[in-house]
Structure formats: structure tokens, C-alpha cells
Amino acid sequence: MASETVLKKRLKKKTSFLEKAYEAYELLLSGQVKSYAIGSRNLTKFDLKELWDMIETLEKEVDSLEEQLAGGSKRKSVAVIPRDL
């Protein structure tokens, strides 16, 4: 597992990306702009679905990083072994 410092850096970066994605989505949706760039990616009004998928992915990643910083586990899995007694 990554150190707390690394997790904080990742969380800060992902949160920044998420804020930019929200801004791009709002501008494209409102019709104020026809295209928007986030880093090396260029999105147009017709890419709203793709942008929304990116937002959902970033939200999940931010939630996961926040949970890790709070002391929770990264993933939870449960195994069930059926037995016939």
C-alpha cells in the first residue's frame, strides 16, 4: 500500500482533474463553448457521454483514495464456501 504522502498527492491531483471535468461538462452542456481541453484530451459537445463516464470514474477514484486515507481498505472481498452438512 502506498504511503500517506503519496495517497494525499494522488487525491489532490485526482480532485483537481475532477473539478476540471465538472467545469468542462457544465460549459459544454450550457452551450457556452463547443469544445474543451483537459490536459492532452480535446472534447466537443458531442463527447458529453464520454466526459460523464470520465467524471464517474474520477469520483470513484477520489472516494477510494479518501477511504484509504481514513484507514479503510482499498477493496473489500468476501468469499463464501458452500458446505453441505
PDB file of N, CA and C in Angstrom:
ATOM      1  N   MET A   1       0.832  -1.173   0.000  1.00  0.00           N
ATOM      2  CA  MET A   1       0.000   0.000   0.000  1.00  0.00           C
ATOM      3  C   MET A   1       0.877   1.236   0.000  1.00  0.00           C
ATOM      4  N   ALA A   2       0.450   2.266  -0.707  1.00  0.00           N
ATOM      5  CA  ALA A   2       1.207   3.498  -0.820  1.00  0.00           C
ATOM      6  C   ALA A   2       1.216   4.248   0.513  1.00  0.00           C
ATOM      7  N   SER A   3       2.235   5.086   0.679  1.00  0.00           N
ATOM      8  CA  SER A   3       2.333   5.866   1.908  1.00  0.00           C
ATOM      9  C   SER A   3       1.261   6.955   1.938  1.00  0.00           C
ATOM     10  N   GLU A   4       1.063   7.523   3.108  1.00  0.00           N
ATOM     11  CA  GLU A   4       0.050   8.558   3.275  1.00  0.00           C
ATOM     12  C   GLU A   4       0.371   9.786   2.424  1.00  0.00           C
ATOM     13  N   THR A   5       1.648  10.112   2.301  1.00  0.00           N
ATOM     14  CA  THR A   5       2.060  11.259   1.485  1.00  0.00           C
ATOM     15  C   THR A   5       1.710  11.043   0.022  1.00  0.00           C
ATOM     16  N   VAL A   6       1.972   9.855  -0.479  1.00  0.00           N
ATOM     17  CA  VAL A   6       1.667   9.525  -1.868  1.00  0.00           C
ATOM     18  C   VAL A   6       0.159   9.544  -2.090  1.00  0.00           C
ATOM     19  N   LEU A   7      -0.600   8.997  -1.149  1.00  0.00           N
ATOM     20  CA  LEU A   7      -2.056   8.993  -1.262  1.00  0.00           C
ATOM     21  C   LEU A   7      -2.611  10.412  -1.284  1.00  0.00           C
ATOM     22  N   LYS A   8      -2.061  11.300  -0.461  1.00  0.00           N
ATOM     23  CA  LYS A   8      -2.510  12.692  -0.440  1.00  0.00           C
ATOM     24  C   LYS A   8      -2.220  13.388  -1.765  1.00  0.00           C
ATOM     25  N   LYS A   9      -1.046  13.115  -2.348  1.00  0.00           N
ATOM     26  CA  LYS A   9      -0.707  13.708  -3.648  1.00  0.00           C
ATOM     27  C   LYS A   9      -1.653  13.210  -4.734  1.00  0.00           C
ATOM     28  N   ARG A  10      -1.916  11.907  -4.719  1.00  0.00           N
ATOM     29  CA  ARG A  10      -2.843  11.337  -5.702  1.00  0.00           C
ATOM     30  C   ARG A  10      -4.241  11.926  -5.548  1.00  0.00           C
ATOM     31  N   LEU A  11      -4.692  12.058  -4.300  1.00  0.00           N
ATOM     32  CA  LEU A  11      -6.014  12.611  -4.039  1.00  0.00           C
ATOM     33  C   LEU A  11      -6.107  14.054  -4.524  1.00  0.00           C
ATOM     34  N   LYS A  12      -5.077  14.842  -4.266  1.00  0.00           N
ATOM     35  CA  LYS A  12      -5.061  16.242  -4.708  1.00  0.00           C
ATOM     36  C   LYS A  12      -5.137  16.331  -6.227  1.00  0.00           C
ATOM     37  N   LYS A  13      -4.375  15.504  -6.909  1.00  0.00           N
ATOM     38  CA  LYS A  13      -4.344  15.516  -8.378  1.00  0.00           C
ATOM     39  C   LYS A  13      -5.676  15.049  -8.950  1.00  0.00           C
ATOM     40  N   LYS A  14      -6.218  13.954  -8.431  1.00  0.00           N
ATOM     41  CA  LYS A  14      -7.498  13.423  -8.928  1.00  0.00           C
ATOM     42  C   LYS A  14      -8.639  14.412  -8.669  1.00  0.00           C
ATOM     43  N   THR A  15      -8.603  15.077  -7.507  1.00  0.00           N
ATOM     44  CA  THR A  15      -9.624  16.076  -7.195  1.00  0.00           C
ATOM     45  C   THR A  15      -9.541  17.242  -8.165  1.00  0.00           C
ATOM     46  N   SER A  16      -8.333  17.643  -8.511  1.00  0.00           N
ATOM     47  CA  SER A  16      -8.136  18.714  -9.493  1.00  0.00           C
ATOM     48  C   SER A  16      -8.700  18.306 -10.855  1.00  0.00           C
ATOM     49  N   PHE A  17      -8.406  17.077 -11.284  1.00  0.00           N
ATOM     50  CA  PHE A  17      -8.941  16.577 -12.553  1.00  0.00           C
ATOM     51  C   PHE A  17     -10.469  16.543 -12.531  1.00  0.00           C
ATOM     52  N   LEU A  18     -11.025  16.116 -11.397  1.00  0.00           N
ATOM     53  CA  LEU A  18     -12.474  16.022 -11.265  1.00  0.00           C
ATOM     54  C   LEU A  18     -13.121  17.410 -11.368  1.00  0.00           C
ATOM     55  N   GLU A  19     -12.525  18.400 -10.725  1.00  0.00           N
ATOM     56  CA  GLU A  19     -13.052  19.761 -10.798  1.00  0.00           C
ATOM     57  C   GLU A  19     -13.028  20.283 -12.238  1.00  0.00           C
ATOM     58  N   LYS A  20     -11.944  20.000 -12.965  1.00  0.00           N
ATOM     59  CA  LYS A  20     -11.847  20.428 -14.359  1.00  0.00           C
ATOM     60  C   LYS A  20     -12.873  19.706 -15.232  1.00  0.00           C
ATOM     61  N   ALA A  21     -13.109  18.440 -14.938  1.00  0.00           N
ATOM     62  CA  ALA A  21     -14.091  17.677 -15.707  1.00  0.00           C
ATOM     63  C   ALA A  21     -15.498  18.210 -15.465  1.00  0.00           C
ATOM     64  N   TYR A  22     -15.818  18.562 -14.207  1.00  0.00           N
ATOM     65  CA  TYR A  22     -17.113  19.169 -13.897  1.00  0.00           C
ATOM     66  C   TYR A  22     -17.283  20.489 -14.655  1.00  0.00           C
ATOM     67  N   GLU A  23     -16.234  21.297 -14.638  1.00  0.00           N
ATOM     68  CA  GLU A  23     -16.275  22.593 -15.327  1.00  0.00           C
ATOM     69  C   GLU A  23     -16.507  22.398 -16.825  1.00  0.00           C
ATOM     70  N   ALA A  24     -15.781  21.461 -17.420  1.00  0.00           N
ATOM     71  CA  ALA A  24     -15.935  21.189 -18.852  1.00  0.00           C
ATOM     72  C   ALA A  24     -17.343  20.713 -19.167  1.00  0.00           C
ATOM     73  N   TYR A  25     -17.870  19.832 -18.334  1.00  0.00           N
ATOM     74  CA  TYR A  25     -19.213  19.291 -18.559  1.00  0.00           C
ATOM     75  C   TYR A  25     -20.260  20.398 -18.510  1.00  0.00           C
ATOM     76  N   GLU A  26     -20.149  21.255 -17.496  1.00  0.00           N
ATOM     77  CA  GLU A  26     -21.110  22.355 -17.366  1.00  0.00           C
ATOM     78  C   GLU A  26     -21.048  23.301 -18.551  1.00  0.00           C
ATOM     79  N   LEU A  27     -19.842  23.649 -18.999  1.00  0.00           N
ATOM     80  CA  LEU A  27     -19.702  24.562 -20.126  1.00  0.00           C
ATOM     81  C   LEU A  27     -20.222  23.950 -21.423  1.00  0.00           C
ATOM     82  N   LEU A  28     -19.904  22.679 -21.648  1.00  0.00           N
ATOM     83  CA  LEU A  28     -20.387  22.023 -22.858  1.00  0.00           C
ATOM     84  C   LEU A  28     -21.900  21.858 -22.829  1.00  0.00           C
ATOM     85  N   LEU A  29     -22.430  21.544 -21.665  1.00  0.00           N
ATOM     86  CA  LEU A  29     -23.867  21.337 -21.534  1.00  0.00           C
ATOM     87  C   LEU A  29     -24.649  22.639 -21.720  1.00  0.00           C
ATOM     88  N   SER A  30     -24.103  23.724 -21.220  1.00  0.00           N
ATOM     89  CA  SER A  30     -24.796  25.010 -21.310  1.00  0.00           C
ATOM     90  C   SER A  30     -24.713  25.624 -22.702  1.00  0.00           C
ATOM     91  N   GLY A  31     -23.797  25.123 -23.525  1.00  0.00           N
ATOM     92  CA  GLY A  31     -23.660  25.651 -24.874  1.00  0.00           C
ATOM     93  C   GLY A  31     -22.753  26.862 -24.953  1.00  0.00           C
ATOM     94  N   GLN A  32     -22.096  27.213 -23.848  1.00  0.00           N
ATOM     95  CA  GLN A  32     -21.198  28.361 -23.858  1.00  0.00           C
ATOM     96  C   GLN A  32     -19.968  28.115 -24.729  1.00  0.00           C
ATOM     97  N   VAL A  33     -19.562  26.866 -24.813  1.00  0.00           N
ATOM     98  CA  VAL A  33     -18.422  26.507 -25.657  1.00  0.00           C
ATOM     99  C   VAL A  33     -18.792  25.299 -26.496  1.00  0.00           C
ATOM    100  N   LYS A  34     -18.093  25.112 -27.603  1.00  0.00           N
ATOM    101  CA  LYS A  34     -18.333  23.955 -28.476  1.00  0.00           C
ATOM    102  C   LYS A  34     -17.299  22.854 -28.246  1.00  0.00           C
ATOM    103  N   SER A  35     -16.155  23.239 -27.673  1.00  0.00           N
ATOM    104  CA  SER A  35     -15.129  22.239 -27.378  1.00  0.00           C
ATOM    105  C   SER A  35     -14.376  22.670 -26.123  1.00  0.00           C
ATOM    106  N   TYR A  36     -13.673  21.704 -25.510  1.00  0.00           N
ATOM    107  CA  TYR A  36     -12.970  21.961 -24.266  1.00  0.00           C
ATOM    108  C   TYR A  36     -11.772  21.032 -24.209  1.00  0.00           C
ATOM    109  N   ALA A  37     -10.682  21.492 -23.611  1.00  0.00           N
ATOM    110  CA  ALA A  37      -9.479  20.668 -23.487  1.00  0.00           C
ATOM    111  C   ALA A  37      -9.163  20.441 -22.016  1.00  0.00           C
ATOM    112  N   ILE A  38      -8.900  19.187 -21.683  1.00  0.00           N
ATOM    113  CA  ILE A  38      -8.423  18.815 -20.343  1.00  0.00           C
ATOM    114  C   ILE A  38      -7.116  18.079 -20.564  1.00  0.00           C
ATOM    115  N   GLY A  39      -6.031  18.711 -20.213  1.00  0.00           N
ATOM    116  CA  GLY A  39      -4.723  18.113 -20.480  1.00  0.00           C
ATOM    117  C   GLY A  39      -4.513  17.950 -21.971  1.00  0.00           C
ATOM    118  N   SER A  40      -4.230  16.750 -22.396  1.00  0.00           N
ATOM    119  CA  SER A  40      -3.996  16.481 -23.815  1.00  0.00           C
ATOM    120  C   SER A  40      -5.264  16.037 -24.538  1.00  0.00           C
ATOM    121  N   ARG A  41      -6.395  15.955 -23.814  1.00  0.00           N
ATOM    122  CA  ARG A  41      -7.644  15.491 -24.419  1.00  0.00           C
ATOM    123  C   ARG A  41      -8.495  16.677 -24.835  1.00  0.00           C
ATOM    124  N   ASN A  42      -9.016  16.613 -26.036  1.00  0.00           N
ATOM    125  CA  ASN A  42      -9.940  17.619 -26.532  1.00  0.00           C
ATOM    126  C   ASN A  42     -11.324  16.991 -26.640  1.00  0.00           C
ATOM    127  N   LEU A  43     -12.315  17.661 -26.065  1.00  0.00           N
ATOM    128  CA  LEU A  43     -13.681  17.150 -26.062  1.00  0.00           C
ATOM    129  C   LEU A  43     -14.583  18.148 -26.759  1.00  0.00           C
ATOM    130  N   THR A  44     -15.575  17.643 -27.466  1.00  0.00           N
ATOM    131  CA  THR A  44     -16.549  18.509 -28.109  1.00  0.00           C
ATOM    132  C   THR A  44     -17.911  18.291 -27.471  1.00  0.00           C
ATOM    133  N   LYS A  45     -18.878  19.072 -27.889  1.00  0.00           N
ATOM    134  CA  LYS A  45     -20.234  18.958 -27.346  1.00  0.00           C
ATOM    135  C   LYS A  45     -20.777  17.539 -27.520  1.00  0.00           C
ATOM    136  N   PHE A  46     -20.321  16.854 -28.540  1.00  0.00           N
ATOM    137  CA  PHE A  46     -20.806  15.506 -28.812  1.00  0.00           C
ATOM    138  C   PHE A  46     -20.156  14.451 -27.933  1.00  0.00           C
ATOM    139  N   ASP A  47     -19.182  14.837 -27.113  1.00  0.00           N
ATOM    140  CA  ASP A  47     -18.491  13.904 -26.227  1.00  0.00           C
ATOM    141  C   ASP A  47     -19.031  13.945 -24.797  1.00  0.00           C
ATOM    142  N   LEU A  48     -20.246  14.421 -24.599  1.00  0.00           N
ATOM    143  CA  LEU A  48     -20.780  14.550 -23.247  1.00  0.00           C
ATOM    144  C   LEU A  48     -20.845  13.208 -22.520  1.00  0.00           C
ATOM    145  N   LYS A  49     -21.230  12.155 -23.197  1.00  0.00           N
ATOM    146  CA  LYS A  49     -21.304  10.821 -22.578  1.00  0.00           C
ATOM    147  C   LYS A  49     -19.913  10.369 -22.124  1.00  0.00           C
ATOM    148  N   GLU A  50     -18.937  10.561 -22.983  1.00  0.00           N
ATOM    149  CA  GLU A  50     -17.563  10.191 -22.642  1.00  0.00           C
ATOM    150  C   GLU A  50     -17.063  11.006 -21.441  1.00  0.00           C
ATOM    151  N   LEU A  51     -17.386  12.288 -21.430  1.00  0.00           N
ATOM    152  CA  LEU A  51     -16.979  13.151 -20.328  1.00  0.00           C
ATOM    153  C   LEU A  51     -17.668  12.737 -19.036  1.00  0.00           C
ATOM    154  N   TRP A  52     -18.952  12.391 -19.106  1.00  0.00           N
ATOM    155  CA  TRP A  52     -19.665  11.943 -17.908  1.00  0.00           C
ATOM    156  C   TRP A  52     -19.069  10.644 -17.377  1.00  0.00           C
ATOM    157  N   ASP A  53     -18.682   9.732 -18.267  1.00  0.00           N
ATOM    158  CA  ASP A  53     -18.033   8.488 -17.842  1.00  0.00           C
ATOM    159  C   ASP A  53     -16.715   8.790 -17.127  1.00  0.00           C
ATOM    160  N   MET A  54     -15.972   9.785 -17.641  1.00  0.00           N
ATOM    161  CA  MET A  54     -14.713  10.185 -17.018  1.00  0.00           C
ATOM    162  C   MET A  54     -14.979  10.742 -15.620  1.00  0.00           C
ATOM    163  N   ILE A  55     -16.031  11.536 -15.469  1.00  0.00           N
ATOM    164  CA  ILE A  55     -16.391  12.107 -14.170  1.00  0.00           C
ATOM    165  C   ILE A  55     -16.727  10.993 -13.179  1.00  0.00           C
ATOM    166  N   GLU A  56     -17.525  10.016 -13.608  1.00  0.00           N
ATOM    167  CA  GLU A  56     -17.890   8.904 -12.717  1.00  0.00           C
ATOM    168  C   GLU A  56     -16.657   8.116 -12.282  1.00  0.00           C
ATOM    169  N   THR A  57     -15.741   7.881 -13.208  1.00  0.00           N
ATOM    170  CA  THR A  57     -14.511   7.158 -12.879  1.00  0.00           C
ATOM    171  C   THR A  57     -13.674   7.947 -11.879  1.00  0.00           C
ATOM    172  N   LEU A  58     -13.530   9.248 -12.112  1.00  0.00           N
ATOM    173  CA  LEU A  58     -12.756  10.086 -11.191  1.00  0.00           C
ATOM    174  C   LEU A  58     -13.407  10.142  -9.810  1.00  0.00           C
ATOM    175  N   GLU A  59     -14.725  10.211  -9.755  1.00  0.00           N
ATOM    176  CA  GLU A  59     -15.413  10.213  -8.461  1.00  0.00           C
ATOM    177  C   GLU A  59     -15.123   8.940  -7.677  1.00  0.00           C
ATOM    178  N   LYS A  60     -15.150   7.806  -8.364  1.00  0.00           N
ATOM    179  CA  LYS A  60     -14.856   6.528  -7.700  1.00  0.00           C
ATOM    180  C   LYS A  60     -13.417   6.491  -7.201  1.00  0.00           C
ATOM    181  N   GLU A  61     -12.485   7.002  -8.019  1.00  0.00           N
ATOM    182  CA  GLU A  61     -11.079   7.010  -7.619  1.00  0.00           C
ATOM    183  C   GLU A  61     -10.854   7.930  -6.428  1.00  0.00           C
ATOM    184  N   VAL A  62     -11.498   9.101  -6.413  1.00  0.00           N
ATOM    185  CA  VAL A  62     -11.369  10.031  -5.290  1.00  0.00           C
ATOM    186  C   VAL A  62     -11.956   9.393  -4.031  1.00  0.00           C
ATOM    187  N   ASP A  63     -13.114   8.766  -4.141  1.00  0.00           N
ATOM    188  CA  ASP A  63     -13.726   8.090  -2.988  1.00  0.00           C
ATOM    189  C   ASP A  63     -12.816   7.003  -2.433  1.00  0.00           C
ATOM    190  N   SER A  64     -12.203   6.239  -3.326  1.00  0.00           N
ATOM    191  CA  SER A  64     -11.314   5.168  -2.905  1.00  0.00           C
ATOM    192  C   SER A  64     -10.089   5.725  -2.174  1.00  0.00           C
ATOM    193  N   LEU A  65      -9.505   6.801  -2.714  1.00  0.00           N
ATOM    194  CA  LEU A  65      -8.336   7.403  -2.069  1.00  0.00           C
ATOM    195  C   LEU A  65      -8.703   7.990  -0.707  1.00  0.00           C
ATOM    196  N   GLU A  66      -9.865   8.623  -0.610  1.00  0.00           N
ATOM    197  CA  GLU A  66     -10.297   9.172   0.675  1.00  0.00           C
ATOM    198  C   GLU A  66     -10.503   8.062   1.699  1.00  0.00           C
ATOM    199  N   GLU A  67     -11.053   6.942   1.256  1.00  0.00           N
ATOM    200  CA  GLU A  67     -11.258   5.813   2.160  1.00  0.00           C
ATOM    201  C   GLU A  67      -9.921   5.261   2.638  1.00  0.00           C
ATOM    202  N   GLN A  68      -8.948   5.174   1.735  1.00  0.00           N
ATOM    203  CA  GLN A  68      -7.629   4.675   2.122  1.00  0.00           C
ATOM    204  C   GLN A  68      -6.977   5.605   3.139  1.00  0.00           C
ATOM    205  N   LEU A  69      -7.115   6.919   2.939  1.00  0.00           N
ATOM    206  CA  LEU A  69      -6.530   7.869   3.884  1.00  0.00           C
ATOM    207  C   LEU A  69      -7.218   7.820   5.243  1.00  0.00           C
ATOM    208  N   ALA A  70      -8.496   7.459   5.250  1.00  0.00           N
ATOM    209  CA  ALA A  70      -9.239   7.361   6.510  1.00  0.00           C
ATOM    210  C   ALA A  70      -8.946   6.049   7.235  1.00  0.00           C
ATOM    211  N   GLY A  71      -8.166   5.182   6.618  1.00  0.00           N
ATOM    212  CA  GLY A  71      -7.800   3.936   7.268  1.00  0.00           C
ATOM    213  C   GLY A  71      -8.564   2.731   6.791  1.00  0.00           C
ATOM    214  N   GLY A  72      -9.448   2.928   5.821  1.00  0.00           N
ATOM    215  CA  GLY A  72     -10.200   1.808   5.275  1.00  0.00           C
ATOM    216  C   GLY A  72      -9.358   1.031   4.285  1.00  0.00           C
ATOM    217  N   SER A  73      -9.858  -0.093   3.876  1.00  0.00           N
ATOM    218  CA  SER A  73      -9.125  -0.899   2.909  1.00  0.00           C
ATOM    219  C   SER A  73      -9.453  -0.447   1.494  1.00  0.00           C
ATOM    220  N   LYS A  74      -8.538  -0.726   0.567  1.00  0.00           N
ATOM    221  CA  LYS A  74      -8.718  -0.331  -0.818  1.00  0.00           C
ATOM    222  C   LYS A  74      -9.886  -1.074  -1.446  1.00  0.00           C
ATOM    223  N   ARG A  75      -9.931  -2.354  -1.247  1.00  0.00           N
ATOM    224  CA  ARG A  75     -11.009  -3.174  -1.795  1.00  0.00           C
ATOM    225  C   ARG A  75     -11.464  -4.159  -0.735  1.00  0.00           C
ATOM    226  N   LYS A  76     -12.711  -4.468  -0.821  1.00  0.00           N
ATOM    227  CA  LYS A  76     -13.245  -5.461   0.111  1.00  0.00           C
ATOM    228  C   LYS A  76     -13.771  -6.633  -0.699  1.00  0.00           C
ATOM    229  N   SER A  77     -13.375  -7.821  -0.308  1.00  0.00           N
ATOM    230  CA  SER A  77     -13.891  -9.015  -0.967  1.00  0.00           C
ATOM    231  C   SER A  77     -14.310 -10.017   0.082  1.00  0.00           C
ATOM    232  N   VAL A  78     -15.304 -10.756  -0.249  1.00  0.00           N
ATOM    233  CA  VAL A  78     -15.827 -11.750   0.670  1.00  0.00           C
ATOM    234  C   VAL A  78     -15.916 -13.071  -0.083  1.00  0.00           C
ATOM    235  N   ALA A  79     -15.453 -14.092   0.551  1.00  0.00           N
ATOM    236  CA  ALA A  79     -15.525 -15.421  -0.062  1.00  0.00           C
ATOM    237  C   ALA A  79     -16.511 -16.273   0.740  1.00  0.00           C
ATOM    238  N   VAL A  80     -17.351 -16.967   0.037  1.00  0.00           N
ATOM    239  CA  VAL A  80     -18.326 -17.840   0.670  1.00  0.00           C
ATOM    240  C   VAL A  80     -18.059 -19.261   0.186  1.00  0.00           C
ATOM    241  N   ILE A  81     -17.927 -20.154   1.134  1.00  0.00           N
ATOM    242  CA  ILE A  81     -17.693 -21.556   0.769  1.00  0.00           C
ATOM    243  C   ILE A  81     -18.944 -22.336   1.171  1.00  0.00           C
ATOM    244  N   PRO A  82     -19.719 -22.745   0.169  1.00  0.00           N
ATOM    245  CA  PRO A  82     -20.928 -23.517   0.496  1.00  0.00           C
ATOM    246  C   PRO A  82     -20.558 -24.918   0.977  1.00  0.00           C
ATOM    247  N   ARG A  83     -21.229 -25.366   2.014  1.00  0.00           N
ATOM    248  CA  ARG A  83     -20.974 -26.696   2.571  1.00  0.00           C
ATOM    249  C   ARG A  83     -22.282 -27.416   2.759  1.00  0.00           C
ATOM    250  N   ASP A  84     -22.270 -28.653   2.468  1.00  0.00           N
ATOM    251  CA  ASP A  84     -23.452 -29.492   2.681  1.00  0.00           C
ATOM    252  C   ASP A  84     -23.208 -30.298   3.935  1.00  0.00           C
ATOM    253  N   LEU A  85     -23.856 -29.903   5.007  1.00  0.00           N
ATOM    254  CA  LEU A  85     -23.633 -30.597   6.287  1.00  0.00           C
ATOM    255  C   LEU A  85     -24.582 -31.715   6.448  1.00  0.00           C
TER     256      LEU A  85
END
